[in-house]
Amino acid sequence: MTCQHSPVCPDQSDADATAAVIVADHCEQGWYRLCNGLILFEDGGCLTAPHYAAA
């Protein structure tokens, strides 16, 4: 799935990857899923999230 935001969100490999739009907010648990598939933690760390095809 490609980003539908304007401007397009940065890719996971871009230096500014954490600037992507938040698409799932789990602030009560301390993390957010970004449009580019990254999981961003409140402490600034991040992980790559798997991409799932829509059923």
C-alpha atoms as a PDB file:
ATOM      1  CA  MET A   1       0.000   0.000   0.000  1.00  0.00           C
ATOM      2  CA  THR A   2       1.359   3.416  -0.917  1.00  0.00           C
ATOM      3  CA  CYS A   3       0.988   6.589   1.080  1.00  0.00           C
ATOM      4  CA  GLN A   4      -2.087   8.666   0.215  1.00  0.00           C
ATOM      5  CA  HIS A   5      -0.984  11.747   2.180  1.00  0.00           C
ATOM      6  CA  SER A   6       0.063  15.012   0.584  1.00  0.00           C
ATOM      7  CA  PRO A   7       2.958  15.484   0.715  1.00  0.00           C
ATOM      8  CA  VAL A   8       3.864  11.785   0.629  1.00  0.00           C
ATOM      9  CA  CYS A   9       5.276  10.400   3.901  1.00  0.00           C
ATOM     10  CA  PRO A  10       9.004   9.626   4.011  1.00  0.00           C
ATOM     11  CA  ASP A  11      10.044   6.012   3.401  1.00  0.00           C
ATOM     12  CA  GLN A  12      11.313   3.817   6.271  1.00  0.00           C
ATOM     13  CA  SER A  13      14.871   4.193   4.979  1.00  0.00           C
ATOM     14  CA  ASP A  14      14.770   8.016   4.784  1.00  0.00           C
ATOM     15  CA  ALA A  15      16.615  10.096   7.370  1.00  0.00           C
ATOM     16  CA  ASP A  16      13.316  11.745   8.373  1.00  0.00           C
ATOM     17  CA  ALA A  17      11.307   8.495   8.468  1.00  0.00           C
ATOM     18  CA  THR A  18       9.762   9.308  11.856  1.00  0.00           C
ATOM     19  CA  ALA A  19       8.094  12.385  10.330  1.00  0.00           C
ATOM     20  CA  ALA A  20       5.480  10.143   8.657  1.00  0.00           C
ATOM     21  CA  VAL A  21       1.809  10.549   9.597  1.00  0.00           C
ATOM     22  CA  ILE A  22       0.556   8.617  12.650  1.00  0.00           C
ATOM     23  CA  VAL A  23      -2.077   6.103  11.496  1.00  0.00           C
ATOM     24  CA  ALA A  24      -2.589   4.212  14.781  1.00  0.00           C
ATOM     25  CA  ASP A  25      -2.273   5.969  18.141  1.00  0.00           C
ATOM     26  CA  HIS A  26      -1.534   3.768  21.151  1.00  0.00           C
ATOM     27  CA  CYS A  27      -0.231   6.531  23.422  1.00  0.00           C
ATOM     28  CA  GLU A  28      -1.588   4.727  26.500  1.00  0.00           C
ATOM     29  CA  GLN A  29       0.958   1.988  25.717  1.00  0.00           C
ATOM     30  CA  GLY A  30       3.671   4.400  24.585  1.00  0.00           C
ATOM     31  CA  TRP A  31       3.764   3.694  20.837  1.00  0.00           C
ATOM     32  CA  TYR A  32       2.381   4.835  17.487  1.00  0.00           C
ATOM     33  CA  ARG A  33       2.223   3.204  14.039  1.00  0.00           C
ATOM     34  CA  LEU A  34       3.296   5.486  11.229  1.00  0.00           C
ATOM     35  CA  CYS A  35       2.071   5.500   7.621  1.00  0.00           C
ATOM     36  CA  ASN A  36       5.414   4.150   6.369  1.00  0.00           C
ATOM     37  CA  GLY A  37       5.135   1.065   8.601  1.00  0.00           C
ATOM     38  CA  LEU A  38       7.409   2.165  11.430  1.00  0.00           C
ATOM     39  CA  ILE A  39       6.437   1.692  15.075  1.00  0.00           C
ATOM     40  CA  LEU A  40       7.519   4.813  16.953  1.00  0.00           C
ATOM     41  CA  PHE A  41       7.989   4.677  20.727  1.00  0.00           C
ATOM     42  CA  GLU A  42       7.619   7.650  23.087  1.00  0.00           C
ATOM     43  CA  ASP A  43      11.341   7.492  23.888  1.00  0.00           C
ATOM     44  CA  GLY A  44      12.155   8.100  20.204  1.00  0.00           C
ATOM     45  CA  GLY A  45      13.086   4.518  19.327  1.00  0.00           C
ATOM     46  CA  CYS A  46      11.442   2.798  16.385  1.00  0.00           C
ATOM     47  CA  LEU A  47      10.947  -0.621  14.798  1.00  0.00           C
ATOM     48  CA  THR A  48       9.930  -1.717  11.323  1.00  0.00           C
ATOM     49  CA  ALA A  49       6.356  -3.043  11.257  1.00  0.00           C
ATOM     50  CA  PRO A  50       5.255  -5.694   8.777  1.00  0.00           C
ATOM     51  CA  HIS A  51       2.933  -4.601   5.985  1.00  0.00           C
ATOM     52  CA  TYR A  52      -0.252  -6.620   5.620  1.00  0.00           C
ATOM     53  CA  ALA A  53      -2.341  -6.696   2.478  1.00  0.00           C
ATOM     54  CA  ALA A  54      -5.954  -5.688   2.943  1.00  0.00           C
ATOM     55  CA  ALA A  55      -8.284  -8.690   2.893  1.00  0.00           C
END
